[in-house]
Amino acid sequence: MRDELGLRGGEEIEVTLADGRIEIEPVVTAVRLEQRDGHWVAVPERELPPLTHELVRETLEKIRR
């Protein structure tokens, strides 16, 4: 189930009950927009792990299936 949801150990999740079902979703990270070098970028409100090449490749493979 963890793989299907794209979760890794230690990540926060939100668990809710809706229409008799248990729903599990990753907690969304709040971001603020900042302008850097003339471009708007989303900056997370909390510390996040680095975005690695492996994580990007893994995500691309999942969404292309």
PDB file of N, CA and C in Angstrom:
ATOM      1  N   MET A   1       0.836  -1.180   0.000  1.00  0.00           N
ATOM      2  CA  MET A   1       0.000   0.000   0.000  1.00  0.00           C
ATOM      3  C   MET A   1       0.888   1.253   0.000  1.00  0.00           C
ATOM      4  N   ARG A   2       1.994   1.198   0.736  1.00  0.00           N
ATOM      5  CA  ARG A   2       2.902   2.345   0.808  1.00  0.00           C
ATOM      6  C   ARG A   2       3.425   2.706  -0.580  1.00  0.00           C
ATOM      7  N   ASP A   3       3.832   1.686  -1.354  1.00  0.00           N
ATOM      8  CA  ASP A   3       4.334   1.932  -2.707  1.00  0.00           C
ATOM      9  C   ASP A   3       3.251   2.528  -3.597  1.00  0.00           C
ATOM     10  N   GLU A   4       2.054   1.988  -3.496  1.00  0.00           N
ATOM     11  CA  GLU A   4       0.933   2.472  -4.306  1.00  0.00           C
ATOM     12  C   GLU A   4       0.634   3.952  -4.039  1.00  0.00           C
ATOM     13  N   LEU A   5       0.794   4.376  -2.776  1.00  0.00           N
ATOM     14  CA  LEU A   5       0.549   5.762  -2.397  1.00  0.00           C
ATOM     15  C   LEU A   5       1.767   6.658  -2.607  1.00  0.00           C
ATOM     16  N   GLY A   6       2.925   6.037  -2.910  1.00  0.00           N
ATOM     17  CA  GLY A   6       4.142   6.815  -3.095  1.00  0.00           C
ATOM     18  C   GLY A   6       4.711   7.338  -1.789  1.00  0.00           C
ATOM     19  N   LEU A   7       4.486   6.595  -0.697  1.00  0.00           N
ATOM     20  CA  LEU A   7       4.954   7.030   0.615  1.00  0.00           C
ATOM     21  C   LEU A   7       6.269   6.353   0.973  1.00  0.00           C
ATOM     22  N   ARG A   8       7.070   7.063   1.749  1.00  0.00           N
ATOM     23  CA  ARG A   8       8.310   6.512   2.284  1.00  0.00           C
ATOM     24  C   ARG A   8       8.221   6.580   3.811  1.00  0.00           C
ATOM     25  N   GLY A   9       9.053   5.835   4.481  1.00  0.00           N
ATOM     26  CA  GLY A   9       9.047   5.826   5.934  1.00  0.00           C
ATOM     27  C   GLY A   9       9.268   7.209   6.514  1.00  0.00           C
ATOM     28  N   GLY A  10       8.541   7.529   7.573  1.00  0.00           N
ATOM     29  CA  GLY A  10       8.706   8.803   8.264  1.00  0.00           C
ATOM     30  C   GLY A  10       7.881   9.945   7.708  1.00  0.00           C
ATOM     31  N   GLU A  11       7.190   9.731   6.586  1.00  0.00           N
ATOM     32  CA  GLU A  11       6.364  10.798   6.021  1.00  0.00           C
ATOM     33  C   GLU A  11       5.050  10.921   6.783  1.00  0.00           C
ATOM     34  N   GLU A  12       4.554  12.148   6.863  1.00  0.00           N
ATOM     35  CA  GLU A  12       3.278  12.380   7.523  1.00  0.00           C
ATOM     36  C   GLU A  12       2.141  12.014   6.577  1.00  0.00           C
ATOM     37  N   ILE A  13       1.083  11.447   7.165  1.00  0.00           N
ATOM     38  CA  ILE A  13      -0.116  11.135   6.390  1.00  0.00           C
ATOM     39  C   ILE A  13      -1.331  11.697   7.112  1.00  0.00           C
ATOM     40  N   GLU A  14      -2.394  11.874   6.361  1.00  0.00           N
ATOM     41  CA  GLU A  14      -3.676  12.306   6.919  1.00  0.00           C
ATOM     42  C   GLU A  14      -4.651  11.155   6.726  1.00  0.00           C
ATOM     43  N   VAL A  15      -5.275  10.720   7.806  1.00  0.00           N
ATOM     44  CA  VAL A  15      -6.234   9.620   7.757  1.00  0.00           C
ATOM     45  C   VAL A  15      -7.607  10.185   8.092  1.00  0.00           C
ATOM     46  N   THR A  16      -8.568   9.954   7.192  1.00  0.00           N
ATOM     47  CA  THR A  16      -9.938  10.441   7.411  1.00  0.00           C
ATOM     48  C   THR A  16     -10.924   9.313   7.137  1.00  0.00           C
ATOM     49  N   LEU A  17     -12.118   9.473   7.682  1.00  0.00           N
ATOM     50  CA  LEU A  17     -13.205   8.543   7.434  1.00  0.00           C
ATOM     51  C   LEU A  17     -14.248   9.276   6.612  1.00  0.00           C
ATOM     52  N   ALA A  18     -14.589   8.739   5.439  1.00  0.00           N
ATOM     53  CA  ALA A  18     -15.556   9.384   4.549  1.00  0.00           C
ATOM     54  C   ALA A  18     -16.464   8.322   3.941  1.00  0.00           C
ATOM     55  N   ASP A  19     -17.748   8.462   4.135  1.00  0.00           N
ATOM     56  CA  ASP A  19     -18.740   7.526   3.583  1.00  0.00           C
ATOM     57  C   ASP A  19     -18.415   6.076   3.922  1.00  0.00           C
ATOM     58  N   GLY A  20     -17.972   5.843   5.153  1.00  0.00           N
ATOM     59  CA  GLY A  20     -17.672   4.495   5.595  1.00  0.00           C
ATOM     60  C   GLY A  20     -16.339   3.943   5.109  1.00  0.00           C
ATOM     61  N   ARG A  21     -15.510   4.794   4.478  1.00  0.00           N
ATOM     62  CA  ARG A  21     -14.198   4.370   3.987  1.00  0.00           C
ATOM     63  C   ARG A  21     -13.108   5.093   4.752  1.00  0.00           C
ATOM     64  N   ILE A  22     -12.003   4.418   4.935  1.00  0.00           N
ATOM     65  CA  ILE A  22     -10.822   5.066   5.498  1.00  0.00           C
ATOM     66  C   ILE A  22     -10.002   5.594   4.321  1.00  0.00           C
ATOM     67  N   GLU A  23      -9.680   6.879   4.349  1.00  0.00           N
ATOM     68  CA  GLU A  23      -8.881   7.494   3.293  1.00  0.00           C
ATOM     69  C   GLU A  23      -7.528   7.911   3.865  1.00  0.00           C
ATOM     70  N   ILE A  24      -6.457   7.544   3.166  1.00  0.00           N
ATOM     71  CA  ILE A  24      -5.101   7.856   3.591  1.00  0.00           C
ATOM     72  C   ILE A  24      -4.455   8.688   2.488  1.00  0.00           C
ATOM     73  N   GLU A  25      -3.973   9.866   2.864  1.00  0.00           N
ATOM     74  CA  GLU A  25      -3.322  10.748   1.892  1.00  0.00           C
ATOM     75  C   GLU A  25      -2.072  11.353   2.513  1.00  0.00           C
ATOM     76  N   PRO A  26      -1.046  11.599   1.691  1.00  0.00           N
ATOM     77  CA  PRO A  26       0.122  12.303   2.214  1.00  0.00           C
ATOM     78  C   PRO A  26      -0.259  13.733   2.594  1.00  0.00           C
ATOM     79  N   VAL A  27       0.368  14.262   3.639  1.00  0.00           N
ATOM     80  CA  VAL A  27       0.114  15.641   4.047  1.00  0.00           C
ATOM     81  C   VAL A  27       0.732  16.568   2.997  1.00  0.00           C
ATOM     82  N   VAL A  28      -0.039  17.534   2.548  1.00  0.00           N
ATOM     83  CA  VAL A  28       0.427  18.482   1.547  1.00  0.00           C
ATOM     84  C   VAL A  28       1.344  19.507   2.216  1.00  0.00           C
ATOM     85  N   THR A  29       2.456  19.782   1.590  1.00  0.00           N
ATOM     86  CA  THR A  29       3.400  20.763   2.121  1.00  0.00           C
ATOM     87  C   THR A  29       2.991  22.165   1.677  1.00  0.00           C
ATOM     88  N   ALA A  30       2.808  23.052   2.632  1.00  0.00           N
ATOM     89  CA  ALA A  30       2.480  24.441   2.313  1.00  0.00           C
ATOM     90  C   ALA A  30       3.707  25.113   1.688  1.00  0.00           C
ATOM     91  N   VAL A  31       3.455  25.967   0.705  1.00  0.00           N
ATOM     92  CA  VAL A  31       4.536  26.704   0.048  1.00  0.00           C
ATOM     93  C   VAL A  31       4.183  28.182  -0.019  1.00  0.00           C
ATOM     94  N   ARG A  32       5.212  28.993  -0.166  1.00  0.00           N
ATOM     95  CA  ARG A  32       5.015  30.423  -0.420  1.00  0.00           C
ATOM     96  C   ARG A  32       5.743  30.740  -1.725  1.00  0.00           C
ATOM     97  N   LEU A  33       5.276  31.742  -2.424  1.00  0.00           N
ATOM     98  CA  LEU A  33       5.916  32.133  -3.675  1.00  0.00           C
ATOM     99  C   LEU A  33       6.900  33.258  -3.420  1.00  0.00           C
ATOM    100  N   GLU A  34       8.088  33.091  -3.970  1.00  0.00           N
ATOM    101  CA  GLU A  34       9.131  34.115  -3.876  1.00  0.00           C
ATOM    102  C   GLU A  34       9.656  34.392  -5.275  1.00  0.00           C
ATOM    103  N   GLN A  35      10.035  35.618  -5.495  1.00  0.00           N
ATOM    104  CA  GLN A  35      10.612  35.955  -6.793  1.00  0.00           C
ATOM    105  C   GLN A  35      12.134  35.889  -6.678  1.00  0.00           C
ATOM    106  N   ARG A  36      12.743  35.081  -7.556  1.00  0.00           N
ATOM    107  CA  ARG A  36      14.196  34.915  -7.571  1.00  0.00           C
ATOM    108  C   ARG A  36      14.689  35.077  -9.000  1.00  0.00           C
ATOM    109  N   ASP A  37      15.606  35.979  -9.174  1.00  0.00           N
ATOM    110  CA  ASP A  37      16.172  36.233 -10.506  1.00  0.00           C
ATOM    111  C   ASP A  37      15.090  36.462 -11.554  1.00  0.00           C
ATOM    112  N   GLY A  38      14.039  37.172 -11.181  1.00  0.00           N
ATOM    113  CA  GLY A  38      12.978  37.500 -12.121  1.00  0.00           C
ATOM    114  C   GLY A  38      11.966  36.394 -12.361  1.00  0.00           C
ATOM    115  N   HIS A  39      12.067  35.281 -11.620  1.00  0.00           N
ATOM    116  CA  HIS A  39      11.143  34.162 -11.778  1.00  0.00           C
ATOM    117  C   HIS A  39      10.492  33.857 -10.436  1.00  0.00           C
ATOM    118  N   TRP A  40       9.225  33.449 -10.478  1.00  0.00           N
ATOM    119  CA  TRP A  40       8.524  33.048  -9.265  1.00  0.00           C
ATOM    120  C   TRP A  40       8.832  31.585  -8.977  1.00  0.00           C
ATOM    121  N   VAL A  41       9.184  31.291  -7.745  1.00  0.00           N
ATOM    122  CA  VAL A  41       9.464  29.920  -7.333  1.00  0.00           C
ATOM    123  C   VAL A  41       8.662  29.592  -6.077  1.00  0.00           C
ATOM    124  N   ALA A  42       8.269  28.327  -5.960  1.00  0.00           N
ATOM    125  CA  ALA A  42       7.553  27.857  -4.772  1.00  0.00           C
ATOM    126  C   ALA A  42       8.582  27.396  -3.754  1.00  0.00           C
ATOM    127  N   VAL A  43       8.509  27.948  -2.544  1.00  0.00           N
ATOM    128  CA  VAL A  43       9.447  27.615  -1.473  1.00  0.00           C
ATOM    129  C   VAL A  43       8.650  26.938  -0.360  1.00  0.00           C
ATOM    130  N   PRO A  44       9.026  25.698   0.021  1.00  0.00           N
ATOM    131  CA  PRO A  44       8.264  24.992   1.057  1.00  0.00           C
ATOM    132  C   PRO A  44       8.389  25.671   2.414  1.00  0.00           C
ATOM    133  N   GLU A  45       7.315  25.586   3.194  1.00  0.00           N
ATOM    134  CA  GLU A  45       7.284  26.179   4.526  1.00  0.00           C
ATOM    135  C   GLU A  45       8.025  25.333   5.560  1.00  0.00           C
ATOM    136  N   ARG A  46       8.347  24.084   5.209  1.00  0.00           N
ATOM    137  CA  ARG A  46       9.085  23.220   6.133  1.00  0.00           C
ATOM    138  C   ARG A  46      10.257  22.584   5.391  1.00  0.00           C
ATOM    139  N   GLU A  47      11.203  22.089   6.162  1.00  0.00           N
ATOM    140  CA  GLU A  47      12.382  21.445   5.578  1.00  0.00           C
ATOM    141  C   GLU A  47      11.975  20.156   4.865  1.00  0.00           C
ATOM    142  N   LEU A  48      12.446  19.982   3.653  1.00  0.00           N
ATOM    143  CA  LEU A  48      12.163  18.780   2.876  1.00  0.00           C
ATOM    144  C   LEU A  48      13.474  18.094   2.508  1.00  0.00           C
ATOM    145  N   PRO A  49      13.428  16.777   2.295  1.00  0.00           N
ATOM    146  CA  PRO A  49      14.649  16.093   1.867  1.00  0.00           C
ATOM    147  C   PRO A  49      15.025  16.540   0.456  1.00  0.00           C
ATOM    148  N   PRO A  50      16.295  16.405   0.082  1.00  0.00           N
ATOM    149  CA  PRO A  50      16.703  16.815  -1.261  1.00  0.00           C
ATOM    150  C   PRO A  50      15.996  15.994  -2.334  1.00  0.00           C
ATOM    151  N   LEU A  51      15.747  16.622  -3.466  1.00  0.00           N
ATOM    152  CA  LEU A  51      15.120  15.960  -4.603  1.00  0.00           C
ATOM    153  C   LEU A  51      16.236  15.297  -5.410  1.00  0.00           C
ATOM    154  N   THR A  52      16.329  13.979  -5.310  1.00  0.00           N
ATOM    155  CA  THR A  52      17.419  13.251  -5.952  1.00  0.00           C
ATOM    156  C   THR A  52      17.041  12.801  -7.357  1.00  0.00           C
ATOM    157  N   HIS A  53      18.058  12.475  -8.140  1.00  0.00           N
ATOM    158  CA  HIS A  53      17.843  11.955  -9.489  1.00  0.00           C
ATOM    159  C   HIS A  53      17.017  10.668  -9.426  1.00  0.00           C
ATOM    160  N   GLU A  54      17.313   9.819  -8.441  1.00  0.00           N
ATOM    161  CA  GLU A  54      16.602   8.553  -8.301  1.00  0.00           C
ATOM    162  C   GLU A  54      15.117   8.771  -8.020  1.00  0.00           C
ATOM    163  N   LEU A  55      14.803   9.737  -7.166  1.00  0.00           N
ATOM    164  CA  LEU A  55      13.404  10.018  -6.842  1.00  0.00           C
ATOM    165  C   LEU A  55      12.657  10.546  -8.066  1.00  0.00           C
ATOM    166  N   VAL A  56      13.298  11.402  -8.828  1.00  0.00           N
ATOM    167  CA  VAL A  56      12.669  11.929 -10.051  1.00  0.00           C
ATOM    168  C   VAL A  56      12.416  10.791 -11.037  1.00  0.00           C
ATOM    169  N   ARG A  57      13.410   9.937 -11.263  1.00  0.00           N
ATOM    170  CA  ARG A  57      13.275   8.806 -12.191  1.00  0.00           C
ATOM    171  C   ARG A  57      12.163   7.865 -11.737  1.00  0.00           C
ATOM    172  N   GLU A  58      12.128   7.550 -10.445  1.00  0.00           N
ATOM    173  CA  GLU A  58      11.096   6.669  -9.885  1.00  0.00           C
ATOM    174  C   GLU A  58       9.707   7.251 -10.103  1.00  0.00           C
ATOM    175  N   THR A  59       9.554   8.540  -9.857  1.00  0.00           N
ATOM    176  CA  THR A  59       8.257   9.202 -10.028  1.00  0.00           C
ATOM    177  C   THR A  59       7.831   9.195 -11.490  1.00  0.00           C
ATOM    178  N   LEU A  60       8.741   9.500 -12.393  1.00  0.00           N
ATOM    179  CA  LEU A  60       8.425   9.478 -13.822  1.00  0.00           C
ATOM    180  C   LEU A  60       7.979   8.091 -14.276  1.00  0.00           C
ATOM    181  N   GLU A  61       8.662   7.063 -13.805  1.00  0.00           N
ATOM    182  CA  GLU A  61       8.284   5.700 -14.160  1.00  0.00           C
ATOM    183  C   GLU A  61       6.894   5.345 -13.657  1.00  0.00           C
ATOM    184  N   LYS A  62       6.544   5.805 -12.456  1.00  0.00           N
ATOM    185  CA  LYS A  62       5.223   5.513 -11.901  1.00  0.00           C
ATOM    186  C   LYS A  62       4.111   6.174 -12.698  1.00  0.00           C
ATOM    187  N   ILE A  63       4.307   7.426 -13.088  1.00  0.00           N
ATOM    188  CA  ILE A  63       3.213   8.129 -13.771  1.00  0.00           C
ATOM    189  C   ILE A  63       3.113   7.744 -15.236  1.00  0.00           C
ATOM    190  N   ARG A  64       4.131   7.135 -15.794  1.00  0.00           N
ATOM    191  CA  ARG A  64       4.098   6.706 -17.203  1.00  0.00           C
ATOM    192  C   ARG A  64       3.478   5.333 -17.384  1.00  0.00           C
ATOM    193  N   ARG A  65       3.219   4.614 -16.304  1.00  0.00           N
ATOM    194  CA  ARG A  65       2.622   3.266 -16.394  1.00  0.00           C
ATOM    195  C   ARG A  65       1.181   3.316 -16.744  1.00  0.00           C
TER     196      ARG A  65
END
